[in-house]
Amino acid sequence: MSAVEPLPRSAESGRSAESARSSRTAEPGPSPVWPVQVVSPFPDAPRFVLGRTAARSSAFTPNDAAGGRTVLIGAATGTDRADVARRARGELMERMHNVLSGHRAREGAVVASYASLRRRGTAALDPCSWAELRSLTHLREAAMPWVTGTSLTGGGQVLVPACAVYLAHRPPAGCPAPLRPGSTGLAAHDTAARAREHAVLEILERDLFWHAWYADASRRSPPGPAPLDEELRRVLVVLGLRERCLVLPGPGGTSCVVACVHRSDGTRQSFGARATSGALGPAAVSAVREALMVRWSMGTASARTVWARMRERGPDRQPSGPLEHALHTFHRQDSLTALLRGATWEPWTTTARGPVGEPRSTARACAAEPWATAHDSSEDPLMTEPDSAGDPGVTTRGLAGDSRVTARGSAGDPGAAGHDSVRDPGVTAPGPAEAAPRLLAERTGEDVVEVDTSVSAADGGRAVVVRVVAPGARRMPVDEPDRAPLALPAGNSRRHPPHPLG
């Protein structure tokens, strides 16, 4: 495997808008080898900083965000320079571990079809259990590489399509690679349990937003300003911006805070989101920081080039890819009004809620946590979301010969499933790391599987990096569906405008 080396700071400055969207992973331990460039993206608000770091290796694939060079990039934003630097290095470590792990996995991967694995009685995730692949039944007969994961619902070892795990998957000749997972569901931490919880929350965040946007699922609009820290509130005031947050309720007391940052007249909108199993305040801070980072990226050279191309095509052409979606909502679309329509009013709560809540906020959402994790908001550029009818009683299909988890629909919330379990009063409730995967599995009707993608050579074994795979969870489409993706209550099927997440 080729050596990995830091990229000089001068080479990091070419980072494009697409890669600037993701700013969420934390530092997995002291790593002075990786210098971080910390800059103030908004001259009028110098306390709000952006940290960027990069690594170069021939083992990486060429990166458009770095002018075609073979580099990986990590980034973070916030008002604490030291914390931003830690989280930027952490995002780099997260991606580096996963890419290098993918190279090593090619040597030991099982190459077979799902159908043949099922005939042998081997537990494996059905490729057609992903919503976007549900109609492609021929994939069950196609040979593809598989890697070993662990079911987080108690099902033991499970084979997972390698293309659902690695950022830089290179299948053998003749093997399809129908999935490219992006960084959602990939997390680094000092323990596997905490990395697992953060990865599950990332997946839940996207699933909750998908149902809120495309299926009109429950949305709450707390009145008044979000519970932001004083520094971040001052940044918004100096920039002449306003924030509006919504809360998307999830299973078992989890939730997702969606933040929109906009001008006083409601235009120039940018969005961020953060799921949490704890207090809403830190999640709101993280969502607003992400919205500000997306907003900054709208003025970069690469974003200006893409926007010029979009203007030439005209407004009737649907956006494709995360950057175009962010540009579309920034320049053309009032996405906030669409989200507020039908939302209920509910006051902010600042303490942890539900069976998976903790007195503190989740570490993923709290900048003060030395291991606060973050994730890439980008999605796979080859993914689309076809029409799919949500079934409130879907039974797990993902495992060969196994159906342990059942999703139970929630009235008035298409596609969302509630937690339906009877707990023995003498049994201690599981902690967030144990509860979150089961809640996600029960919500989606599919198994949730973890694959360890740690590579000790990347950082001396300080970090644990896991990929959580949840085929039943929805992801934001890169290309908008041609038809309404779900039948709404009372058969009221309608199209929705392009989603606003970059």
Protein backbone atom coordinates (compact mmCIF):
# COMPACT_ATOMS: atom_id res chain seq x y z
CA MET A 1 0.00 0.00 0.00
CA SER A 2 1.33 3.42 -0.93
CA ALA A 3 2.53 5.80 1.73
CA VAL A 4 0.16 8.51 2.93
CA GLU A 5 1.47 12.01 3.49
CA PRO A 6 -0.02 15.37 4.47
CA LEU A 7 -0.84 17.76 1.68
CA PRO A 8 0.86 21.17 2.03
CA ARG A 9 -1.46 23.92 3.18
CA SER A 10 -1.10 25.81 -0.07
CA ALA A 11 -2.48 22.81 -1.92
CA GLU A 12 -5.57 22.64 0.28
CA SER A 13 -6.89 26.02 -0.76
CA GLY A 14 -8.36 24.68 -3.99
CA ARG A 15 -11.07 22.83 -2.10
CA SER A 16 -14.35 23.07 -3.99
CA ALA A 17 -17.85 23.83 -2.79
CA GLU A 18 -18.88 20.19 -2.90
CA SER A 19 -16.24 19.10 -0.44
CA ALA A 20 -16.83 22.19 1.70
CA ARG A 21 -20.30 20.94 2.56
CA SER A 22 -19.09 18.29 4.99
CA SER A 23 -17.69 19.53 8.26
CA ARG A 24 -18.70 17.16 10.94
CA THR A 25 -16.16 14.59 12.10
CA ALA A 26 -14.02 14.98 15.19
CA GLU A 27 -10.41 14.43 15.97
CA PRO A 28 -9.64 10.77 16.80
CA GLY A 29 -6.62 11.65 18.95
CA PRO A 30 -3.65 13.99 18.77
CA SER A 31 -2.26 14.01 15.25
CA PRO A 32 0.36 16.75 14.75
CA VAL A 33 1.39 15.21 11.43
CA TRP A 34 -1.72 16.62 9.74
CA PRO A 35 -1.54 20.43 9.64
CA VAL A 36 -4.89 22.19 9.50
CA GLN A 37 -5.45 25.43 7.62
CA VAL A 38 -7.88 27.55 9.67
CA VAL A 39 -9.41 30.55 7.89
CA SER A 40 -12.32 32.96 8.38
CA PRO A 41 -14.71 32.32 5.46
CA PHE A 42 -16.77 35.44 6.27
CA PRO A 43 -14.56 38.56 6.62
CA ASP A 44 -17.28 40.37 8.59
CA ALA A 45 -17.46 37.51 11.12
CA PRO A 46 -13.85 36.50 11.82
CA ARG A 47 -14.78 34.43 14.88
CA PHE A 48 -16.50 31.88 12.64
CA VAL A 49 -13.72 29.75 11.17
CA LEU A 50 -13.28 26.96 8.65
CA GLY A 51 -10.60 24.32 9.14
CA ARG A 52 -9.27 22.21 6.26
CA THR A 53 -6.67 19.46 6.06
CA ALA A 54 -5.72 16.94 3.41
CA ALA A 55 -3.66 13.81 2.78
CA ARG A 56 -2.12 12.59 -0.45
CA SER A 57 -1.46 9.03 -1.61
CA SER A 58 -1.49 7.06 -4.84
CA ALA A 59 -3.87 4.72 -2.99
CA PHE A 60 -6.56 7.41 -3.24
CA THR A 61 -8.64 8.13 -6.31
CA PRO A 62 -8.40 11.52 -8.07
CA ASN A 63 -10.46 14.14 -6.27
CA ASP A 64 -12.31 16.82 -8.23
CA ALA A 65 -12.30 18.97 -5.10
CA ALA A 66 -8.49 19.11 -5.31
CA GLY A 67 -8.02 19.65 -9.02
CA GLY A 68 -7.86 15.95 -9.88
CA ARG A 69 -5.10 15.15 -7.39
CA THR A 70 -5.16 11.90 -5.40
CA VAL A 71 -6.06 13.41 -2.04
CA LEU A 72 -8.59 13.08 0.75
CA ILE A 73 -9.88 16.18 2.53
CA GLY A 74 -11.27 16.83 5.99
CA ALA A 75 -13.02 20.01 7.09
CA ALA A 76 -14.95 21.53 9.98
CA THR A 77 -16.46 24.87 11.01
CA GLY A 78 -17.23 26.62 14.28
CA THR A 79 -16.18 29.40 16.61
CA ASP A 80 -13.52 27.48 18.59
CA ARG A 81 -10.36 27.28 16.47
CA ALA A 82 -8.84 24.36 18.39
CA ASP A 83 -12.07 22.37 18.22
CA VAL A 84 -12.42 23.08 14.50
CA ALA A 85 -8.88 21.84 13.86
CA ARG A 86 -9.54 18.64 15.84
CA ARG A 87 -12.74 17.90 13.95
CA ALA A 88 -11.16 18.62 10.56
CA ARG A 89 -8.40 16.10 11.28
CA GLY A 90 -11.03 13.66 12.47
CA GLU A 91 -12.97 13.84 9.23
CA LEU A 92 -9.78 13.19 7.32
CA MET A 93 -9.00 10.16 9.52
CA GLU A 94 -12.52 8.84 9.04
CA ARG A 95 -12.23 8.89 5.26
CA MET A 96 -8.64 7.71 5.17
CA HIS A 97 -9.38 4.64 7.30
CA ASN A 98 -12.35 3.71 5.12
CA VAL A 99 -10.51 4.09 1.82
CA LEU A 100 -7.45 2.13 2.98
CA SER A 101 -9.71 -0.53 4.50
CA GLY A 102 -11.44 -0.88 1.14
CA HIS A 103 -8.11 -1.58 -0.55
CA ARG A 104 -7.32 -4.32 1.96
CA ALA A 105 -10.81 -5.81 1.75
CA ARG A 106 -10.38 -6.63 -1.94
CA GLU A 107 -7.99 -9.42 -1.00
CA GLY A 108 -10.40 -11.23 1.32
CA ALA A 109 -13.80 -10.39 -0.14
CA VAL A 110 -16.23 -13.19 -1.00
CA VAL A 111 -17.30 -12.94 -4.65
CA ALA A 112 -20.72 -14.52 -5.15
CA SER A 113 -24.32 -13.69 -5.99
CA TYR A 114 -26.90 -13.05 -3.32
CA ALA A 115 -28.97 -15.93 -4.69
CA SER A 116 -26.08 -18.37 -4.33
CA LEU A 117 -25.37 -17.17 -0.79
CA ARG A 118 -28.99 -17.69 0.11
CA ARG A 119 -29.00 -21.20 -1.31
CA ARG A 120 -26.03 -21.98 0.93
CA GLY A 121 -27.83 -20.54 3.95
CA THR A 122 -25.34 -17.70 4.38
CA ALA A 123 -26.74 -14.56 6.00
CA ALA A 124 -26.39 -11.62 3.61
CA LEU A 125 -28.09 -8.32 2.90
CA ASP A 126 -30.39 -8.51 -0.11
CA PRO A 127 -29.31 -5.89 -2.69
CA CYS A 128 -32.99 -5.29 -3.43
CA SER A 129 -33.65 -4.26 0.16
CA TRP A 130 -32.32 -0.79 -0.73
CA ALA A 131 -35.30 1.29 -1.87
CA GLU A 132 -33.48 2.63 -4.92
CA LEU A 133 -32.62 -0.92 -6.05
CA ARG A 134 -35.91 -2.59 -5.19
CA SER A 135 -36.99 -3.05 -8.80
CA LEU A 136 -33.58 -4.33 -9.98
CA THR A 137 -34.21 -7.96 -9.08
CA HIS A 138 -31.52 -9.16 -11.50
CA LEU A 139 -28.92 -7.95 -8.98
CA ARG A 140 -29.72 -10.96 -6.82
CA GLU A 141 -28.18 -13.20 -9.49
CA ALA A 142 -25.14 -10.99 -10.16
CA ALA A 143 -21.77 -11.94 -8.68
CA MET A 144 -20.30 -9.16 -6.57
CA PRO A 145 -17.78 -8.85 -3.72
CA TRP A 146 -19.04 -9.13 -0.14
CA VAL A 147 -17.42 -8.27 3.19
CA THR A 148 -18.31 -9.43 6.68
CA GLY A 149 -20.33 -7.25 9.00
CA THR A 150 -22.07 -7.69 12.33
CA SER A 151 -25.83 -7.38 12.73
CA LEU A 152 -26.66 -4.74 15.33
CA THR A 153 -30.01 -6.42 16.02
CA GLY A 154 -28.46 -9.62 17.35
CA GLY A 155 -28.20 -11.65 14.16
CA GLY A 156 -24.48 -12.37 14.26
CA GLN A 157 -22.26 -12.10 11.21
CA VAL A 158 -23.80 -10.89 7.96
CA LEU A 159 -22.28 -10.44 4.51
CA VAL A 160 -22.65 -6.92 3.09
CA PRO A 161 -22.12 -5.80 -0.53
CA ALA A 162 -18.68 -4.17 -0.53
CA CYS A 163 -20.04 -1.34 -2.67
CA ALA A 164 -22.28 -0.31 0.26
CA VAL A 165 -19.30 0.05 2.62
CA TYR A 166 -16.30 1.73 0.99
CA LEU A 167 -15.84 5.24 -0.36
CA ALA A 168 -13.47 4.07 -3.10
CA HIS A 169 -14.85 0.66 -4.09
CA ARG A 170 -13.26 -1.03 -7.10
CA PRO A 171 -15.12 -4.25 -7.96
CA PRO A 172 -13.51 -7.09 -9.90
CA ALA A 173 -14.03 -7.10 -13.65
CA GLY A 174 -17.58 -8.03 -14.57
CA CYS A 175 -19.03 -7.33 -11.10
CA PRO A 176 -21.63 -4.59 -10.70
CA ALA A 177 -21.34 -1.87 -8.06
CA PRO A 178 -24.93 -0.61 -7.75
CA LEU A 179 -24.33 1.40 -4.56
CA ARG A 180 -21.97 4.21 -3.64
CA PRO A 181 -22.59 5.09 -0.02
CA GLY A 182 -20.99 8.49 0.50
CA SER A 183 -19.91 9.37 4.02
CA THR A 184 -23.30 9.20 5.72
CA GLY A 185 -23.14 6.33 8.21
CA LEU A 186 -19.34 6.45 8.47
CA ALA A 187 -18.00 7.53 11.87
CA ALA A 188 -14.73 7.69 13.81
CA HIS A 189 -14.44 7.65 17.57
CA ASP A 190 -12.34 6.39 20.45
CA THR A 191 -14.71 3.43 20.99
CA ALA A 192 -16.76 1.32 18.63
CA ALA A 193 -19.93 1.95 20.65
CA ARG A 194 -19.74 5.72 20.28
CA ALA A 195 -18.78 5.53 16.61
CA ARG A 196 -21.72 3.18 16.06
CA GLU A 197 -24.21 5.52 17.70
CA HIS A 198 -23.01 8.49 15.68
CA ALA A 199 -23.14 6.58 12.40
CA VAL A 200 -26.70 5.44 13.11
CA LEU A 201 -27.75 9.02 13.91
CA GLU A 202 -26.32 10.19 10.60
CA ILE A 203 -28.44 7.64 8.76
CA LEU A 204 -31.51 8.50 10.81
CA GLU A 205 -31.01 12.19 10.01
CA ARG A 206 -31.29 11.58 6.28
CA ASP A 207 -34.19 9.18 6.66
CA LEU A 208 -36.17 11.62 8.79
CA PHE A 209 -35.55 14.47 6.37
CA TRP A 210 -36.48 12.32 3.36
CA HIS A 211 -39.85 11.47 4.91
CA ALA A 212 -40.43 15.07 6.00
CA TRP A 213 -39.73 16.40 2.50
CA TYR A 214 -41.11 13.73 0.19
CA ALA A 215 -43.80 12.14 2.38
CA ASP A 216 -44.97 15.09 4.48
CA ALA A 217 -44.02 13.33 7.72
CA SER A 218 -44.32 15.08 11.07
CA ARG A 219 -42.50 18.41 11.43
CA ARG A 220 -42.43 20.67 14.47
CA SER A 221 -41.70 24.38 14.32
CA PRO A 222 -40.58 25.73 17.71
CA PRO A 223 -41.50 29.41 18.10
CA GLY A 224 -38.77 31.93 18.79
CA PRO A 225 -35.03 31.72 18.21
CA ALA A 226 -33.12 28.46 18.41
CA PRO A 227 -31.03 27.84 21.56
CA LEU A 228 -27.71 28.85 19.99
CA ASP A 229 -24.57 29.85 21.85
CA GLU A 230 -23.75 33.54 22.08
CA GLU A 231 -20.83 33.38 19.63
CA LEU A 232 -22.86 31.75 16.87
CA ARG A 233 -25.79 34.11 17.44
CA ARG A 234 -23.39 37.04 17.08
CA VAL A 235 -22.12 35.62 13.76
CA LEU A 236 -25.66 35.58 12.38
CA VAL A 237 -26.30 39.15 13.52
CA VAL A 238 -23.06 40.47 12.01
CA LEU A 239 -23.83 38.75 8.70
CA GLY A 240 -27.39 40.10 8.67
CA LEU A 241 -28.85 36.60 8.61
CA ARG A 242 -31.72 34.90 10.36
CA GLU A 243 -32.19 31.28 11.33
CA ARG A 244 -35.32 29.17 11.46
CA CYS A 245 -35.24 25.65 12.82
CA LEU A 246 -37.64 22.74 12.62
CA VAL A 247 -37.59 19.52 14.62
CA LEU A 248 -38.33 16.18 12.95
CA PRO A 249 -39.40 13.65 15.60
CA GLY A 250 -37.80 10.22 15.37
CA PRO A 251 -38.28 6.89 17.10
CA GLY A 252 -37.60 6.38 20.79
CA GLY A 253 -37.06 10.05 21.65
CA THR A 254 -34.58 10.73 18.84
CA SER A 255 -35.06 13.76 16.62
CA CYS A 256 -33.47 15.75 13.83
CA VAL A 257 -33.02 19.51 13.91
CA VAL A 258 -33.18 21.17 10.48
CA ALA A 259 -31.80 24.71 10.28
CA CYS A 260 -32.40 27.24 7.52
CA VAL A 261 -30.22 30.35 7.37
CA HIS A 262 -31.58 33.15 5.18
CA ARG A 263 -31.78 36.88 4.57
CA SER A 264 -34.33 38.97 6.45
CA ASP A 265 -36.69 38.76 3.45
CA GLY A 266 -36.50 34.95 3.42
CA THR A 267 -34.31 34.64 0.32
CA ARG A 268 -30.86 33.09 -0.16
CA GLN A 269 -31.64 30.02 1.90
CA SER A 270 -29.08 27.41 2.97
CA PHE A 271 -29.76 24.35 5.11
CA GLY A 272 -28.11 22.11 7.66
CA ALA A 273 -29.42 19.17 9.67
CA ARG A 274 -28.40 17.13 12.69
CA ALA A 275 -30.01 14.11 14.36
CA THR A 276 -29.63 13.60 18.08
CA SER A 277 -30.58 11.20 20.83
CA GLY A 278 -30.12 13.94 23.41
CA ALA A 279 -30.77 17.66 23.86
CA LEU A 280 -31.92 19.74 20.90
CA GLY A 281 -29.77 22.81 21.63
CA PRO A 282 -26.39 21.39 20.59
CA ALA A 283 -28.02 19.77 17.54
CA ALA A 284 -29.39 23.19 16.53
CA VAL A 285 -25.90 24.70 16.88
CA SER A 286 -24.43 22.02 14.62
CA ALA A 287 -27.22 22.39 12.04
CA VAL A 288 -26.78 26.17 11.87
CA ARG A 289 -23.00 25.80 11.51
CA GLU A 290 -23.53 23.45 8.61
CA ALA A 291 -26.00 25.84 6.97
CA LEU A 292 -23.40 28.61 7.26
CA MET A 293 -20.75 26.40 5.69
CA VAL A 294 -23.05 25.57 2.79
CA ARG A 295 -23.79 29.28 2.46
CA TRP A 296 -20.08 30.08 2.22
CA SER A 297 -19.60 27.40 -0.43
CA MET A 298 -22.21 29.09 -2.64
CA GLY A 299 -19.67 31.84 -3.37
CA THR A 300 -16.69 29.65 -4.24
CA ALA A 301 -15.30 29.43 -7.76
CA SER A 302 -16.62 25.93 -8.40
CA ALA A 303 -20.11 26.90 -7.21
CA ARG A 304 -20.12 29.98 -9.45
CA THR A 305 -19.16 27.82 -12.41
CA VAL A 306 -21.93 25.32 -11.73
CA TRP A 307 -24.49 28.08 -11.17
CA ALA A 308 -23.59 29.66 -14.52
CA ARG A 309 -24.22 26.29 -16.17
CA MET A 310 -27.56 25.95 -14.36
CA ARG A 311 -28.64 29.40 -15.52
CA GLU A 312 -27.85 28.47 -19.12
CA ARG A 313 -30.02 25.36 -18.84
CA GLY A 314 -32.91 27.32 -17.35
CA PRO A 315 -35.09 26.77 -14.27
CA ASP A 316 -37.06 23.87 -15.76
CA ARG A 317 -34.06 21.53 -15.55
CA GLN A 318 -34.05 19.66 -12.23
CA PRO A 319 -30.91 19.93 -10.08
CA SER A 320 -28.58 16.94 -10.04
CA GLY A 321 -26.13 16.31 -7.23
CA PRO A 322 -25.66 17.93 -3.82
CA LEU A 323 -24.10 21.16 -5.09
CA GLU A 324 -26.85 21.80 -7.64
CA HIS A 325 -29.51 21.12 -5.00
CA ALA A 326 -27.90 23.64 -2.65
CA LEU A 327 -27.58 26.22 -5.45
CA HIS A 328 -31.17 25.65 -6.55
CA THR A 329 -32.58 26.36 -3.10
CA PHE A 330 -30.14 29.26 -2.53
CA HIS A 331 -31.04 31.08 -5.75
CA ARG A 332 -34.45 29.84 -6.84
CA GLN A 333 -36.55 28.04 -4.25
CA ASP A 334 -38.33 28.91 -1.00
CA SER A 335 -37.71 25.55 0.64
CA LEU A 336 -38.36 26.86 4.15
CA THR A 337 -41.99 27.69 3.40
CA ALA A 338 -42.47 24.20 1.97
CA LEU A 339 -41.17 22.66 5.20
CA LEU A 340 -43.20 24.94 7.46
CA ARG A 341 -46.42 24.15 5.63
CA GLY A 342 -48.29 21.68 7.85
CA ALA A 343 -45.76 21.84 10.69
CA THR A 344 -47.02 21.95 14.26
CA TRP A 345 -45.87 24.45 16.89
CA GLU A 346 -44.04 23.11 19.90
CA PRO A 347 -41.67 24.91 22.32
CA TRP A 348 -37.96 24.18 22.37
CA THR A 349 -36.81 21.56 24.87
CA THR A 350 -33.21 21.81 26.04
CA THR A 351 -32.83 18.53 27.93
CA ALA A 352 -32.42 15.01 26.64
CA ARG A 353 -35.63 13.13 25.92
CA GLY A 354 -36.82 9.58 25.40
CA PRO A 355 -35.36 6.19 26.27
CA VAL A 356 -32.13 6.80 24.37
CA GLY A 357 -31.62 10.34 25.69
CA GLU A 358 -28.80 11.35 27.99
CA PRO A 359 -28.56 14.35 30.36
CA ARG A 360 -25.91 15.78 28.06
CA SER A 361 -26.31 16.25 24.35
CA THR A 362 -25.05 13.51 22.09
CA ALA A 363 -21.31 13.87 21.53
CA ARG A 364 -21.92 14.03 17.78
CA ALA A 365 -23.84 17.25 18.21
CA CYS A 366 -21.69 18.97 20.81
CA ALA A 367 -18.67 20.98 19.77
CA ALA A 368 -17.28 20.85 23.29
CA GLU A 369 -16.84 17.08 23.13
CA PRO A 370 -13.23 16.20 22.27
CA TRP A 371 -14.55 13.33 20.14
CA ALA A 372 -17.62 15.01 18.69
CA THR A 373 -18.24 13.25 15.39
CA ALA A 374 -19.57 14.65 12.16
CA HIS A 375 -20.59 13.38 8.78
CA ASP A 376 -20.56 14.25 5.14
CA SER A 377 -23.83 15.61 3.91
CA SER A 378 -23.07 14.68 0.33
CA GLU A 379 -24.81 11.76 -1.32
CA ASP A 380 -23.82 9.34 -4.01
CA PRO A 381 -23.82 11.07 -7.43
CA LEU A 382 -25.17 7.94 -9.09
CA MET A 383 -28.13 7.38 -6.77
CA THR A 384 -31.77 8.02 -7.65
CA GLU A 385 -34.93 7.42 -5.64
CA PRO A 386 -37.60 5.60 -7.69
CA ASP A 387 -41.26 5.47 -6.81
CA SER A 388 -41.85 3.27 -3.79
CA ALA A 389 -44.99 2.56 -1.81
CA GLY A 390 -44.30 2.60 1.91
CA ASP A 391 -45.71 -0.45 3.69
CA PRO A 392 -46.52 0.09 7.38
CA GLY A 393 -45.98 -3.59 8.09
CA VAL A 394 -42.83 -4.35 6.15
CA THR A 395 -40.89 -7.30 7.51
CA THR A 396 -37.12 -7.56 7.33
CA ARG A 397 -36.02 -8.86 3.96
CA GLY A 398 -32.35 -8.05 4.18
CA LEU A 399 -31.09 -11.33 5.62
CA ALA A 400 -31.17 -14.63 3.82
CA GLY A 401 -33.76 -16.73 5.62
CA ASP A 402 -34.12 -14.24 8.49
CA SER A 403 -36.92 -11.87 9.48
CA ARG A 404 -36.22 -10.58 12.96
CA VAL A 405 -37.31 -6.97 12.72
CA THR A 406 -40.75 -5.62 11.85
CA ALA A 407 -41.47 -1.99 11.08
CA ARG A 408 -44.77 -0.71 12.41
CA GLY A 409 -46.17 2.32 10.66
CA SER A 410 -47.20 5.45 12.48
CA ALA A 411 -50.58 6.92 11.61
CA GLY A 412 -50.26 10.12 9.69
CA ASP A 413 -46.53 9.65 9.15
CA PRO A 414 -46.00 7.70 5.92
CA GLY A 415 -42.96 5.53 5.97
CA ALA A 416 -42.11 6.28 9.59
CA ALA A 417 -42.34 3.45 12.07
CA GLY A 418 -42.70 3.69 15.80
CA HIS A 419 -41.00 1.72 18.52
CA ASP A 420 -43.30 -1.17 19.46
CA SER A 421 -41.65 -3.21 22.16
CA VAL A 422 -42.69 -4.54 25.54
CA ARG A 423 -39.91 -4.03 28.06
CA ASP A 424 -39.45 -6.27 31.06
CA PRO A 425 -39.61 -3.91 34.06
CA GLY A 426 -36.75 -5.82 35.65
CA VAL A 427 -34.41 -5.27 32.69
CA THR A 428 -32.23 -2.18 32.49
CA ALA A 429 -33.00 -0.03 29.46
CA PRO A 430 -30.26 -0.18 26.82
CA GLY A 431 -27.96 2.79 26.39
CA PRO A 432 -27.98 4.99 23.28
CA ALA A 433 -25.35 2.91 21.46
CA GLU A 434 -27.42 -0.26 21.87
CA ALA A 435 -30.87 1.30 21.41
CA ALA A 436 -30.25 3.44 18.33
CA PRO A 437 -29.59 0.57 15.86
CA ARG A 438 -32.69 -1.31 17.01
CA LEU A 439 -34.83 1.80 16.72
CA LEU A 440 -33.57 2.32 13.17
CA ALA A 441 -34.18 -1.33 12.28
CA GLU A 442 -37.71 -1.24 13.67
CA ARG A 443 -38.41 2.00 11.83
CA THR A 444 -37.19 0.78 8.44
CA GLY A 445 -38.06 -2.92 8.59
CA GLU A 446 -34.54 -3.93 7.57
CA ASP A 447 -31.50 -5.08 9.50
CA VAL A 448 -28.77 -2.63 10.54
CA VAL A 449 -25.23 -3.92 10.11
CA GLU A 450 -21.83 -2.62 11.20
CA VAL A 451 -18.57 -3.09 9.30
CA ASP A 452 -15.29 -2.18 11.01
CA THR A 453 -13.20 -0.14 8.57
CA SER A 454 -10.39 0.79 10.97
CA VAL A 455 -6.81 0.58 9.69
CA SER A 456 -4.21 0.93 12.44
CA ALA A 457 -1.57 2.11 9.99
CA ALA A 458 -3.60 5.25 9.29
CA ASP A 459 -3.16 6.77 12.75
CA GLY A 460 -1.40 4.25 14.95
CA GLY A 461 -4.62 2.59 16.07
CA ARG A 462 -6.01 5.58 17.95
CA ALA A 463 -9.39 5.68 16.18
CA VAL A 464 -12.16 3.17 15.64
CA VAL A 465 -13.89 3.77 12.31
CA VAL A 466 -17.12 1.97 11.51
CA ARG A 467 -19.51 1.94 8.59
CA VAL A 468 -23.13 1.31 9.52
CA VAL A 469 -25.27 -0.04 6.69
CA ALA A 470 -29.07 0.33 6.90
CA PRO A 471 -30.64 -0.61 3.57
CA GLY A 472 -34.16 0.27 4.70
CA ALA A 473 -33.30 3.90 5.48
CA ARG A 474 -33.96 6.52 2.83
CA ARG A 475 -31.24 8.74 1.44
CA MET A 476 -31.69 12.09 -0.22
CA PRO A 477 -31.78 11.54 -3.98
CA VAL A 478 -29.10 13.01 -6.16
CA ASP A 479 -31.54 13.23 -9.06
CA GLU A 480 -35.15 14.08 -8.29
CA PRO A 481 -37.65 11.23 -8.81
CA ASP A 482 -39.82 11.40 -11.92
CA ARG A 483 -42.90 10.58 -9.87
CA ALA A 484 -44.05 11.15 -6.31
CA PRO A 485 -41.91 8.72 -4.29
CA LEU A 486 -44.70 7.79 -1.88
CA ALA A 487 -48.47 7.66 -1.95
CA LEU A 488 -49.62 10.16 0.66
CA PRO A 489 -52.58 9.57 3.01
CA ALA A 490 -56.00 9.26 1.35
CA GLY A 491 -54.26 8.59 -1.97
CA ASN A 492 -53.17 12.21 -2.28
CA SER A 493 -50.04 11.60 -4.32
CA ARG A 494 -48.24 14.73 -5.50
CA ARG A 495 -44.84 15.86 -6.63
CA HIS A 496 -42.53 17.73 -4.32
CA PRO A 497 -39.97 20.37 -5.32
CA PRO A 498 -36.27 19.47 -5.27
CA HIS A 499 -34.95 18.91 -1.76
CA PRO A 500 -32.74 21.68 -0.31
CA LEU A 501 -29.88 19.71 1.26
CA GLY A 502 -26.42 20.10 -0.22
